[in-house]
Full PDB file with SEQRES, HELIX, SHEET, SSBOND, CRYST1, ORIGX, SCALE, CONECT and MASTER records, all heavy atoms in Angstrom:
SEQRES   1 A   32  ALA PRO TYR GLY GLU THR MET LEU ALA THR LYS PRO PRO          
SEQRES   2 A   32  GLY TYR VAL PHE ARG ILE ALA PRO GLU GLN VAL ASP VAL          
SEQRES   3 A   32  PHE GLU PHE GLN GLU LEU                                      
HELIX    1 AA1 GLY A    4  MET A    7  1                                   4    
HELIX    2 AA2 PRO A   21  GLN A   23  5                                   3    
HELIX    3 AA3 ASP A   25  GLU A   31  1                                   7    
SHEET    1 AA1 2 LEU A   8  LYS A  11  0                                        
SHEET    2 AA1 2 GLY A  14  PHE A  17 -1                                        
CRYST1    1.000    1.000    1.000  90.00  90.00  90.00 P 1           1          
ORIGX1      1.000000  0.000000  0.000000        0.00000                         
ORIGX2      0.000000  1.000000  0.000000        0.00000                         
ORIGX3      0.000000  0.000000  1.000000        0.00000                         
SCALE1      1.000000  0.000000  0.000000        0.00000                         
SCALE2      0.000000  1.000000  0.000000        0.00000                         
SCALE3      0.000000  0.000000  1.000000        0.00000                         
ATOM      1  N   ALA A   1     160.996 279.557  96.149  1.00  0.00           N  
ATOM      2  CA  ALA A   1     160.462 279.087  97.368  1.00  0.00           C  
ATOM      3  C   ALA A   1     158.922 279.032  97.211  1.00  0.00           C  
ATOM      4  O   ALA A   1     158.441 279.704  96.326  1.00  0.00           O  
ATOM      5  CB  ALA A   1     160.759 279.935  98.607  1.00  0.00           C  
ATOM      6  N   PRO A   2     158.245 278.250  98.009  1.00  0.00           N  
ATOM      7  CA  PRO A   2     156.712 278.209  97.845  1.00  0.00           C  
ATOM      8  C   PRO A   2     156.147 279.617  97.934  1.00  0.00           C  
ATOM      9  O   PRO A   2     155.227 279.943  97.190  1.00  0.00           O  
ATOM     10  CB  PRO A   2     156.273 277.328  99.059  1.00  0.00           C  
ATOM     11  CG  PRO A   2     157.477 276.439  99.266  1.00  0.00           C  
ATOM     12  CD  PRO A   2     158.618 277.270  99.006  1.00  0.00           C  
ATOM     13  N   TYR A   3     156.602 280.462  98.801  1.00  0.00           N  
ATOM     14  CA  TYR A   3     156.203 281.847  98.970  1.00  0.00           C  
ATOM     15  C   TYR A   3     157.395 282.773  99.314  1.00  0.00           C  
ATOM     16  O   TYR A   3     158.247 282.232 100.026  1.00  0.00           O  
ATOM     17  CB  TYR A   3     155.129 282.034  99.950  1.00  0.00           C  
ATOM     18  CG  TYR A   3     153.846 281.225  99.772  1.00  0.00           C  
ATOM     19  CD1 TYR A   3     153.660 280.019 100.412  1.00  0.00           C  
ATOM     20  CD2 TYR A   3     152.892 281.578  98.842  1.00  0.00           C  
ATOM     21  CE1 TYR A   3     152.612 279.243 100.097  1.00  0.00           C  
ATOM     22  CE2 TYR A   3     151.787 280.877  98.545  1.00  0.00           C  
ATOM     23  CZ  TYR A   3     151.664 279.743  99.202  1.00  0.00           C  
ATOM     24  OH  TYR A   3     150.521 278.862  98.952  1.00  0.00           O  
ATOM     25  N   GLY A   4     157.380 283.927  98.901  1.00  0.00           N  
ATOM     26  CA  GLY A   4     158.437 284.799  99.273  1.00  0.00           C  
ATOM     27  C   GLY A   4     158.697 284.970 100.726  1.00  0.00           C  
ATOM     28  O   GLY A   4     159.812 284.953 101.213  1.00  0.00           O  
ATOM     29  N   GLU A   5     157.488 285.028 101.540  1.00  0.00           N  
ATOM     30  CA  GLU A   5     157.630 285.118 102.933  1.00  0.00           C  
ATOM     31  C   GLU A   5     158.061 283.940 103.666  1.00  0.00           C  
ATOM     32  O   GLU A   5     158.504 283.979 104.730  1.00  0.00           O  
ATOM     33  CB  GLU A   5     156.165 285.575 103.497  1.00  0.00           C  
ATOM     34  CG  GLU A   5     155.780 286.906 103.151  1.00  0.00           C  
ATOM     35  CD  GLU A   5     154.636 287.002 102.170  1.00  0.00           C  
ATOM     36  OE1 GLU A   5     154.638 285.989 101.328  1.00  0.00           O  
ATOM     37  OE2 GLU A   5     153.924 287.937 102.006  1.00  0.00           O  
ATOM     38  N   THR A   6     157.951 282.754 102.952  1.00  0.00           N  
ATOM     39  CA  THR A   6     158.553 281.516 103.491  1.00  0.00           C  
ATOM     40  C   THR A   6     160.013 281.571 103.594  1.00  0.00           C  
ATOM     41  O   THR A   6     160.586 281.184 104.624  1.00  0.00           O  
ATOM     42  CB  THR A   6     158.122 280.366 102.616  1.00  0.00           C  
ATOM     43  OG1 THR A   6     156.691 280.401 102.419  1.00  0.00           O  
ATOM     44  CG2 THR A   6     158.454 279.030 103.340  1.00  0.00           C  
ATOM     45  N   MET A   7     160.653 282.069 102.534  1.00  0.00           N  
ATOM     46  CA  MET A   7     162.135 282.148 102.552  1.00  0.00           C  
ATOM     47  C   MET A   7     162.654 283.331 103.298  1.00  0.00           C  
ATOM     48  O   MET A   7     163.627 283.237 104.017  1.00  0.00           O  
ATOM     49  CB  MET A   7     162.692 282.152 101.138  1.00  0.00           C  
ATOM     50  CG  MET A   7     164.209 282.219 101.046  1.00  0.00           C  
ATOM     51  SD  MET A   7     164.799 282.175  99.302  1.00  0.00           S  
ATOM     52  CE  MET A   7     164.826 280.352  99.005  1.00  0.00           C  
ATOM     53  N   LEU A   8     162.004 284.456 103.110  1.00  0.00           N  
ATOM     54  CA  LEU A   8     162.353 285.710 103.760  1.00  0.00           C  
ATOM     55  C   LEU A   8     161.295 286.172 104.739  1.00  0.00           C  
ATOM     56  O   LEU A   8     160.316 286.782 104.335  1.00  0.00           O  
ATOM     57  CB  LEU A   8     162.631 286.777 102.722  1.00  0.00           C  
ATOM     58  CG  LEU A   8     163.016 288.230 103.188  1.00  0.00           C  
ATOM     59  CD1 LEU A   8     164.016 288.180 104.277  1.00  0.00           C  
ATOM     60  CD2 LEU A   8     163.408 289.152 102.064  1.00  0.00           C  
ATOM     61  N   ALA A   9     161.490 285.735 106.012  1.00  0.00           N  
ATOM     62  CA  ALA A   9     160.476 286.033 107.040  1.00  0.00           C  
ATOM     63  C   ALA A   9     160.721 287.214 107.870  1.00  0.00           C  
ATOM     64  O   ALA A   9     161.899 287.473 108.139  1.00  0.00           O  
ATOM     65  CB  ALA A   9     160.295 284.748 107.818  1.00  0.00           C  
ATOM     66  N   THR A  10     159.655 287.961 108.254  1.00  0.00           N  
ATOM     67  CA  THR A  10     159.898 288.984 109.268  1.00  0.00           C  
ATOM     68  C   THR A  10     159.917 288.353 110.732  1.00  0.00           C  
ATOM     69  O   THR A  10     158.951 287.558 111.032  1.00  0.00           O  
ATOM     70  CB  THR A  10     158.769 290.000 109.140  1.00  0.00           C  
ATOM     71  OG1 THR A  10     158.666 290.500 107.875  1.00  0.00           O  
ATOM     72  CG2 THR A  10     158.953 291.088 110.258  1.00  0.00           C  
ATOM     73  N   LYS A  11     160.932 288.638 111.463  1.00  0.00           N  
ATOM     74  CA  LYS A  11     160.907 288.125 112.790  1.00  0.00           C  
ATOM     75  C   LYS A  11     161.615 289.187 113.716  1.00  0.00           C  
ATOM     76  O   LYS A  11     162.844 289.355 113.713  1.00  0.00           O  
ATOM     77  CB  LYS A  11     161.727 286.777 112.915  1.00  0.00           C  
ATOM     78  CG  LYS A  11     161.630 286.137 114.177  1.00  0.00           C  
ATOM     79  CD  LYS A  11     162.086 284.684 114.179  1.00  0.00           C  
ATOM     80  CE  LYS A  11     161.880 283.970 115.432  1.00  0.00           C  
ATOM     81  NZ  LYS A  11     162.298 282.579 115.418  1.00  0.00           N  
ATOM     82  N   PRO A  12     160.784 289.989 114.394  1.00  0.00           N  
ATOM     83  CA  PRO A  12     161.368 291.082 115.182  1.00  0.00           C  
ATOM     84  C   PRO A  12     162.563 290.627 116.090  1.00  0.00           C  
ATOM     85  O   PRO A  12     162.449 289.449 116.547  1.00  0.00           O  
ATOM     86  CB  PRO A  12     160.158 291.453 116.032  1.00  0.00           C  
ATOM     87  CG  PRO A  12     158.973 291.127 115.202  1.00  0.00           C  
ATOM     88  CD  PRO A  12     159.332 289.917 114.575  1.00  0.00           C  
ATOM     89  N   PRO A  13     163.612 291.344 116.095  1.00  0.00           N  
ATOM     90  CA  PRO A  13     163.700 292.746 115.633  1.00  0.00           C  
ATOM     91  C   PRO A  13     164.309 292.930 114.207  1.00  0.00           C  
ATOM     92  O   PRO A  13     164.976 293.954 113.826  1.00  0.00           O  
ATOM     93  CB  PRO A  13     164.741 293.407 116.620  1.00  0.00           C  
ATOM     94  CG  PRO A  13     165.675 292.213 116.967  1.00  0.00           C  
ATOM     95  CD  PRO A  13     164.778 290.924 116.899  1.00  0.00           C  
ATOM     96  N   GLY A  14     164.074 291.892 113.417  1.00  0.00           N  
ATOM     97  CA  GLY A  14     164.556 292.087 111.983  1.00  0.00           C  
ATOM     98  C   GLY A  14     164.076 291.014 111.078  1.00  0.00           C  
ATOM     99  O   GLY A  14     162.777 290.846 111.025  1.00  0.00           O  
ATOM    100  N   TYR A  15     164.860 290.343 110.304  1.00  0.00           N  
ATOM    101  CA  TYR A  15     164.440 289.409 109.246  1.00  0.00           C  
ATOM    102  C   TYR A  15     165.243 288.190 109.350  1.00  0.00           C  
ATOM    103  O   TYR A  15     166.422 288.136 109.772  1.00  0.00           O  
ATOM    104  CB  TYR A  15     164.536 290.042 107.874  1.00  0.00           C  
ATOM    105  CG  TYR A  15     163.720 291.340 107.680  1.00  0.00           C  
ATOM    106  CD1 TYR A  15     164.370 292.582 107.834  1.00  0.00           C  
ATOM    107  CD2 TYR A  15     162.406 291.304 107.426  1.00  0.00           C  
ATOM    108  CE1 TYR A  15     163.563 293.726 107.770  1.00  0.00           C  
ATOM    109  CE2 TYR A  15     161.696 292.422 107.232  1.00  0.00           C  
ATOM    110  CZ  TYR A  15     162.243 293.700 107.407  1.00  0.00           C  
ATOM    111  OH  TYR A  15     161.494 294.867 107.324  1.00  0.00           O  
ATOM    112  N   VAL A  16     164.693 287.038 108.875  1.00  0.00           N  
ATOM    113  CA  VAL A  16     165.377 285.768 108.878  1.00  0.00           C  
ATOM    114  C   VAL A  16     165.304 285.266 107.380  1.00  0.00           C  
ATOM    115  O   VAL A  16     164.193 285.199 106.786  1.00  0.00           O  
ATOM    116  CB  VAL A  16     164.783 284.737 109.794  1.00  0.00           C  
ATOM    117  CG1 VAL A  16     165.461 283.442 109.615  1.00  0.00           C  
ATOM    118  CG2 VAL A  16     164.846 285.206 111.202  1.00  0.00           C  
ATOM    119  N   PHE A  17     166.431 284.871 106.847  1.00  0.00           N  
ATOM    120  CA  PHE A  17     166.441 284.297 105.500  1.00  0.00           C  
ATOM    121  C   PHE A  17     166.539 282.765 105.736  1.00  0.00           C  
ATOM    122  O   PHE A  17     167.530 282.239 106.150  1.00  0.00           O  
ATOM    123  CB  PHE A  17     167.731 284.724 104.755  1.00  0.00           C  
ATOM    124  CG  PHE A  17     167.524 284.698 103.283  1.00  0.00           C  
ATOM    125  CD1 PHE A  17     166.340 285.047 102.625  1.00  0.00           C  
ATOM    126  CD2 PHE A  17     168.605 284.294 102.448  1.00  0.00           C  
ATOM    127  CE1 PHE A  17     166.268 285.009 101.244  1.00  0.00           C  
ATOM    128  CE2 PHE A  17     168.466 284.287 101.096  1.00  0.00           C  
ATOM    129  CZ  PHE A  17     167.237 284.660 100.500  1.00  0.00           C  
ATOM    130  N   ARG A  18     165.433 282.135 105.534  1.00  0.00           N  
ATOM    131  CA  ARG A  18     165.267 280.691 105.909  1.00  0.00           C  
ATOM    132  C   ARG A  18     165.830 279.739 104.858  1.00  0.00           C  
ATOM    133  O   ARG A  18     165.194 279.077 104.068  1.00  0.00           O  
ATOM    134  CB  ARG A  18     163.795 280.414 106.246  1.00  0.00           C  
ATOM    135  CG  ARG A  18     163.188 281.269 107.305  1.00  0.00           C  
ATOM    136  CD  ARG A  18     161.818 280.659 107.675  1.00  0.00           C  
ATOM    137  NE  ARG A  18     161.137 281.514 108.666  1.00  0.00           N  
ATOM    138  CZ  ARG A  18     161.341 281.510 109.981  1.00  0.00           C  
ATOM    139  NH1 ARG A  18     162.238 280.680 110.434  1.00  0.00           N  
ATOM    140  NH2 ARG A  18     160.674 282.364 110.773  1.00  0.00           N  
ATOM    141  N   ILE A  19     167.134 279.738 104.866  1.00  0.00           N  
ATOM    142  CA  ILE A  19     167.934 278.892 104.038  1.00  0.00           C  
ATOM    143  C   ILE A  19     168.866 278.072 104.916  1.00  0.00           C  
ATOM    144  O   ILE A  19     169.287 278.517 106.027  1.00  0.00           O  
ATOM    145  CB  ILE A  19     168.723 279.548 102.959  1.00  0.00           C  
ATOM    146  CG1 ILE A  19     169.686 280.539 103.460  1.00  0.00           C  
ATOM    147  CG2 ILE A  19     167.755 280.223 101.928  1.00  0.00           C  
ATOM    148  CD1 ILE A  19     170.612 281.169 102.460  1.00  0.00           C  
ATOM    149  N   ALA A  20     169.319 276.935 104.417  1.00  0.00           N  
ATOM    150  CA  ALA A  20     170.407 276.119 105.220  1.00  0.00           C  
ATOM    151  C   ALA A  20     171.735 276.636 104.932  1.00  0.00           C  
ATOM    152  O   ALA A  20     172.030 277.019 103.795  1.00  0.00           O  
ATOM    153  CB  ALA A  20     170.244 274.648 104.880  1.00  0.00           C  
ATOM    154  N   PRO A  21     172.624 276.631 105.935  1.00  0.00           N  
ATOM    155  CA  PRO A  21     174.035 277.108 105.694  1.00  0.00           C  
ATOM    156  C   PRO A  21     174.633 276.327 104.547  1.00  0.00           C  
ATOM    157  O   PRO A  21     175.488 276.857 103.866  1.00  0.00           O  
ATOM    158  CB  PRO A  21     174.648 276.738 107.011  1.00  0.00           C  
ATOM    159  CG  PRO A  21     173.591 276.805 108.045  1.00  0.00           C  
ATOM    160  CD  PRO A  21     172.433 276.289 107.324  1.00  0.00           C  
ATOM    161  N   GLU A  22     174.188 275.107 104.321  1.00  0.00           N  
ATOM    162  CA  GLU A  22     174.859 274.233 103.264  1.00  0.00           C  
ATOM    163  C   GLU A  22     174.623 274.897 101.898  1.00  0.00           C  
ATOM    164  O   GLU A  22     175.274 274.442 100.907  1.00  0.00           O  
ATOM    165  CB  GLU A  22     174.289 272.839 103.360  1.00  0.00           C  
ATOM    166  CG  GLU A  22     174.764 272.036 104.600  1.00  0.00           C  
ATOM    167  CD  GLU A  22     173.967 272.238 105.804  1.00  0.00           C  
ATOM    168  OE1 GLU A  22     172.977 273.130 105.677  1.00  0.00           O  
ATOM    169  OE2 GLU A  22     174.202 271.653 106.821  1.00  0.00           O  
ATOM    170  N   GLN A  23     173.607 275.730 101.702  1.00  0.00           N  
ATOM    171  CA  GLN A  23     173.237 276.286 100.493  1.00  0.00           C  
ATOM    172  C   GLN A  23     174.241 277.519 100.113  1.00  0.00           C  
ATOM    173  O   GLN A  23     174.211 278.031  98.968  1.00  0.00           O  
ATOM    174  CB  GLN A  23     171.892 276.881 100.446  1.00  0.00           C  
ATOM    175  CG  GLN A  23     170.842 275.736 100.521  1.00  0.00           C  
ATOM    176  CD  GLN A  23     169.405 276.237 100.655  1.00  0.00           C  
ATOM    177  OE1 GLN A  23     168.716 276.193 101.703  1.00  0.00           O  
ATOM    178  NE2 GLN A  23     168.907 276.789  99.616  1.00  0.00           N  
ATOM    179  N   VAL A  24     175.040 277.891 101.106  1.00  0.00           N  
ATOM    180  CA  VAL A  24     175.961 279.012 100.855  1.00  0.00           C  
ATOM    181  C   VAL A  24     177.422 278.581 100.735  1.00  0.00           C  
ATOM    182  O   VAL A  24     177.821 277.743 101.531  1.00  0.00           O  
ATOM    183  CB  VAL A  24     175.906 279.967 102.102  1.00  0.00           C  
ATOM    184  CG1 VAL A  24     176.685 281.347 101.879  1.00  0.00           C  
ATOM    185  CG2 VAL A  24     174.428 280.377 102.424  1.00  0.00           C  
ATOM    186  N   ASP A  25     178.099 279.134  99.632  1.00  0.00           N  
ATOM    187  CA  ASP A  25     179.491 278.555  99.418  1.00  0.00           C  
ATOM    188  C   ASP A  25     180.462 278.925 100.567  1.00  0.00           C  
ATOM    189  O   ASP A  25     181.428 278.137 100.688  1.00  0.00           O  
ATOM    190  CB  ASP A  25     180.048 279.208  98.075  1.00  0.00           C  
ATOM    191  CG  ASP A  25     180.012 280.746  98.065  1.00  0.00           C  
ATOM    192  OD1 ASP A  25     179.673 281.334  99.059  1.00  0.00           O  
ATOM    193  OD2 ASP A  25     180.563 281.203  96.985  1.00  0.00           O  
ATOM    194  N   VAL A  26     180.211 279.903 101.335  1.00  0.00           N  
ATOM    195  CA  VAL A  26     181.100 280.103 102.543  1.00  0.00           C  
ATOM    196  C   VAL A  26     181.123 279.026 103.421  1.00  0.00           C  
ATOM    197  O   VAL A  26     182.191 278.572 103.964  1.00  0.00           O  
ATOM    198  CB  VAL A  26     180.648 281.552 103.176  1.00  0.00           C  
ATOM    199  CG1 VAL A  26     181.502 281.681 104.432  1.00  0.00           C  
ATOM    200  CG2 VAL A  26     180.939 282.662 102.323  1.00  0.00           C  
ATOM    201  N   PHE A  27     179.982 278.406 103.720  1.00  0.00           N  
ATOM    202  CA  PHE A  27     179.822 277.253 104.622  1.00  0.00           C  
ATOM    203  C   PHE A  27     180.636 276.050 104.015  1.00  0.00           C  
ATOM    204  O   PHE A  27     181.401 275.419 104.704  1.00  0.00           O  
ATOM    205  CB  PHE A  27     178.325 276.904 104.801  1.00  0.00           C  
ATOM    206  CG  PHE A  27     178.210 275.634 105.608  1.00  0.00           C  
ATOM    207  CD1 PHE A  27     178.120 275.716 107.031  1.00  0.00           C  
ATOM    208  CD2 PHE A  27     178.055 274.416 105.013  1.00  0.00           C  
ATOM    209  CE1 PHE A  27     177.946 274.683 107.832  1.00  0.00           C  
ATOM    210  CE2 PHE A  27     177.894 273.224 105.835  1.00  0.00           C  
ATOM    211  CZ  PHE A  27     177.839 273.414 107.204  1.00  0.00           C  
ATOM    212  N   GLU A  28     180.522 275.825 102.708  1.00  0.00           N  
ATOM    213  CA  GLU A  28     181.311 274.687 102.192  1.00  0.00           C  
ATOM    214  C   GLU A  28     182.824 274.998 102.163  1.00  0.00           C  
ATOM    215  O   GLU A  28     183.629 274.117 102.549  1.00  0.00           O  
ATOM    216  CB  GLU A  28     180.864 274.548 100.671  1.00  0.00           C  
ATOM    217  CG  GLU A  28     181.465 273.338 100.031  1.00  0.00           C  
ATOM    218  CD  GLU A  28     181.058 273.205  98.616  1.00  0.00           C  
ATOM    219  OE1 GLU A  28     180.104 273.874  98.160  1.00  0.00           O  
ATOM    220  OE2 GLU A  28     181.582 272.213  97.896  1.00  0.00           O  
ATOM    221  N   PHE A  29     183.160 276.240 101.950  1.00  0.00           N  
ATOM    222  CA  PHE A  29     184.579 276.677 102.070  1.00  0.00           C  
ATOM    223  C   PHE A  29     185.104 276.378 103.472  1.00  0.00           C  
ATOM    224  O   PHE A  29     186.180 275.770 103.614  1.00  0.00           O  
ATOM    225  CB  PHE A  29     184.704 278.108 101.753  1.00  0.00           C  
ATOM    226  CG  PHE A  29     186.062 278.752 102.084  1.00  0.00           C  
ATOM    227  CD1 PHE A  29     187.165 278.411 101.306  1.00  0.00           C  
ATOM    228  CD2 PHE A  29     186.147 279.613 103.116  1.00  0.00           C  
ATOM    229  CE1 PHE A  29     188.369 278.999 101.641  1.00  0.00           C  
ATOM    230  CE2 PHE A  29     187.454 280.132 103.463  1.00  0.00           C  
ATOM    231  CZ  PHE A  29     188.541 279.814 102.759  1.00  0.00           C  
ATOM    232  N   GLN A  30     184.380 276.785 104.451  1.00  0.00           N  
ATOM    233  CA  GLN A  30     184.815 276.629 105.844  1.00  0.00           C  
ATOM    234  C   GLN A  30     184.831 275.100 106.297  1.00  0.00           C  
ATOM    235  O   GLN A  30     185.673 274.743 107.028  1.00  0.00           O  
ATOM    236  CB  GLN A  30     183.953 277.385 106.833  1.00  0.00           C  
ATOM    237  CG  GLN A  30     184.108 278.994 106.613  1.00  0.00           C  
ATOM    238  CD  GLN A  30     183.153 279.783 107.334  1.00  0.00           C  
ATOM    239  OE1 GLN A  30     182.071 279.354 107.780  1.00  0.00           O  
ATOM    240  NE2 GLN A  30     183.512 281.039 107.612  1.00  0.00           N  
ATOM    241  N   GLU A  31     183.922 274.420 105.827  1.00  0.00           N  
ATOM    242  CA  GLU A  31     183.933 272.865 106.108  1.00  0.00           C  
ATOM    243  C   GLU A  31     185.077 272.198 105.496  1.00  0.00           C  
ATOM    244  O   GLU A  31     185.724 271.364 106.104  1.00  0.00           O  
ATOM    245  CB  GLU A  31     182.595 272.269 105.564  1.00  0.00           C  
ATOM    246  CG  GLU A  31     181.475 272.558 106.347  1.00  0.00           C  
ATOM    247  CD  GLU A  31     181.435 271.956 107.732  1.00  0.00           C  
ATOM    248  OE1 GLU A  31     181.267 270.678 107.798  1.00  0.00           O  
ATOM    249  OE2 GLU A  31     181.598 272.622 108.688  1.00  0.00           O  
ATOM    250  N   LEU A  32     185.442 272.548 104.211  1.00  0.00           N  
ATOM    251  CA  LEU A  32     186.600 272.018 103.651  1.00  0.00           C  
ATOM    252  C   LEU A  32     187.888 272.438 104.261  1.00  0.00           C  
ATOM    253  O   LEU A  32     188.849 271.657 104.425  1.00  0.00           O  
ATOM    254  CB  LEU A  32     186.712 272.309 102.162  1.00  0.00           C  
ATOM    255  CG  LEU A  32     185.604 271.663 101.243  1.00  0.00           C  
ATOM    256  CD1 LEU A  32     185.580 272.325  99.878  1.00  0.00           C  
ATOM    257  CD2 LEU A  32     186.045 270.168 101.019  1.00  0.00           C  
TER     258      LEU A  32                                                      
MASTER        0    0    0    3    2    0    0    6  257    1    0    3          
END                                                                             
């Protein structure tokens, strides 16, 4: 990613992994 904090952001009360569901195989499995 351009910066580590861009993909893995701090957002109280925790963290957000800023990726699209389509990038994860579980999403593709469930769609199929």
